[in-house]
Amino acid sequence: MLKKLEEILIKHEIQFDVSKTDKNLYEFRWLNGEADMREEVEGETLEEIAEELYKAYENFDVDTETALWIGEDGHGKNGAPYHIRDIIQEFERYEQDLDDLWTAIKQEADK
C-alpha cells in the first residue's frame, strides 16, 4: 500500500510525503509550507485512506490553526511567519493541498 500511495503522490504532484508508521497507519507530511503539518490515517484500502483524509480535510479549520500559531503580541511564534495574513495564507494553502491529497487518492480508489 505504501508504494501505491507514493505513486499516487508523484502522479498527481501532491505536496505531501507519506510514510508507514504501523501495520495500517500512514503519516502524510506536508511539504508545501513552513508549518509542520501532518495527517495520520489508518486504512487497509485506498477507499478507507481516502475516507480518513476527507474527514481530516473537513475538520481542518484555518482560523483555529492560525490562532494557535499567533503569538501573544499578534505576530507569529514557534517559527510562524510574522504577519497574520501570511499565516492565514499558509493554512489556506495547506487546506487546498489536503483537499488535493484526498481527491487524488479517492480518484485512484474509484478506478
Protein backbone atom coordinates (compact mmCIF):
# COMPACT_ATOMS: atom_id res chain seq x y z
CA MET A 1 0.00 0.00 0.00
CA LEU A 2 2.83 2.42 0.81
CA LYS A 3 4.28 2.07 -2.68
CA LYS A 4 0.84 2.68 -4.23
CA LEU A 5 0.37 5.82 -2.11
CA GLU A 6 3.81 7.09 -3.11
CA GLU A 7 2.96 6.50 -6.79
CA ILE A 8 -0.28 8.48 -6.41
CA LEU A 9 1.54 11.40 -4.80
CA ILE A 10 4.05 11.50 -7.65
CA LYS A 11 1.46 11.00 -10.41
CA HIS A 12 -0.78 13.81 -9.13
CA GLU A 13 2.11 16.07 -8.00
CA ILE A 14 0.72 16.14 -4.46
CA GLN A 15 2.62 18.26 -1.91
CA PHE A 16 2.84 15.53 0.74
CA ASP A 17 5.27 12.79 1.64
CA VAL A 18 3.95 9.52 3.05
CA SER A 19 5.42 7.00 5.45
CA LYS A 20 4.08 3.92 7.15
CA THR A 21 4.14 4.15 10.93
CA ASP A 22 2.35 0.90 11.79
CA LYS A 23 0.63 -2.01 10.07
CA ASN A 24 -2.21 0.06 8.57
CA LEU A 25 -1.23 3.51 9.81
CA TYR A 26 0.14 6.08 7.37
CA GLU A 27 1.51 9.54 8.03
CA PHE A 28 1.22 12.22 5.37
CA ARG A 29 3.67 15.09 5.92
CA TRP A 30 3.03 18.40 4.15
CA LEU A 31 5.90 19.70 2.00
CA ASN A 32 4.48 23.00 0.74
CA GLY A 33 4.91 25.37 3.68
CA GLU A 34 6.69 26.35 6.87
CA ALA A 35 4.16 24.73 9.21
CA ASP A 36 4.92 21.18 10.32
CA MET A 37 1.58 19.73 9.26
CA ARG A 38 0.92 16.00 9.31
CA GLU A 39 -2.10 13.78 8.95
CA GLU A 40 -2.04 10.28 10.35
CA VAL A 41 -4.67 7.98 8.90
CA GLU A 42 -5.49 4.33 9.23
CA GLY A 43 -6.74 2.09 6.47
CA GLU A 44 -6.25 -1.16 4.65
CA THR A 45 -7.58 0.08 1.31
CA LEU A 46 -7.33 3.24 -0.75
CA GLU A 47 -11.03 3.81 -0.08
CA GLU A 48 -10.50 3.73 3.69
CA ILE A 49 -7.49 6.03 3.50
CA ALA A 50 -9.38 8.46 1.26
CA GLU A 51 -12.29 8.49 3.70
CA GLU A 52 -9.98 9.27 6.63
CA LEU A 53 -8.26 12.05 4.66
CA TYR A 54 -11.63 13.51 3.76
CA LYS A 55 -12.51 13.66 7.47
CA ALA A 56 -9.20 15.44 8.16
CA TYR A 57 -9.95 17.93 5.38
CA GLU A 58 -13.49 18.57 6.62
CA ASN A 59 -12.30 19.04 10.22
CA PHE A 60 -9.42 21.38 9.34
CA ASP A 61 -10.13 24.99 10.36
CA VAL A 62 -7.86 27.71 9.00
CA ASP A 63 -8.91 30.18 11.71
CA THR A 64 -8.25 27.78 14.59
CA GLU A 65 -4.85 26.75 13.25
CA THR A 66 -3.93 30.40 12.64
CA ALA A 67 -4.92 31.33 16.20
CA LEU A 68 -2.73 28.55 17.56
CA TRP A 69 0.28 29.87 15.64
CA ILE A 70 -0.15 33.54 16.50
CA GLY A 71 1.94 34.82 19.38
CA GLU A 72 0.59 36.83 22.31
CA ASP A 73 1.67 40.06 20.60
CA GLY A 74 -0.37 39.21 17.49
CA HIS A 75 2.59 38.00 15.48
CA GLY A 76 3.99 34.57 14.70
CA LYS A 77 5.53 32.23 17.27
CA ASN A 78 7.20 28.83 17.04
CA GLY A 79 8.59 29.52 13.57
CA ALA A 80 5.39 31.08 12.24
CA PRO A 81 5.52 33.97 9.79
CA TYR A 82 5.45 37.41 11.41
CA HIS A 83 2.33 38.70 9.61
CA ILE A 84 -1.08 37.19 10.31
CA ARG A 85 -2.06 37.28 6.64
CA ASP A 86 0.97 35.10 5.84
CA ILE A 87 -0.13 32.57 8.45
CA ILE A 88 -3.67 32.51 7.05
CA GLN A 89 -2.35 32.07 3.51
CA GLU A 90 -0.12 29.22 4.70
CA PHE A 91 -3.06 27.35 6.22
CA GLU A 92 -5.32 28.07 3.25
CA ARG A 93 -2.61 26.52 1.05
CA TYR A 94 -2.46 23.53 3.41
CA GLU A 95 -6.22 23.13 3.29
CA GLN A 96 -6.14 23.14 -0.53
CA ASP A 97 -3.26 20.66 -0.61
CA LEU A 98 -5.14 18.40 1.82
CA ASP A 99 -8.16 18.57 -0.50
CA ASP A 100 -5.92 17.68 -3.45
CA LEU A 101 -4.48 14.75 -1.48
CA TRP A 102 -7.77 13.10 -0.60
CA THR A 103 -9.19 13.82 -4.07
CA ALA A 104 -6.24 12.11 -5.81
CA ILE A 105 -6.44 9.04 -3.56
CA LYS A 106 -10.22 8.87 -3.99
CA GLN A 107 -9.86 9.07 -7.79
CA GLU A 108 -7.37 6.21 -7.77
CA ALA A 109 -9.56 4.18 -5.42
CA ASP A 110 -12.54 4.62 -7.77
CA LYS A 111 -10.67 3.17 -10.76
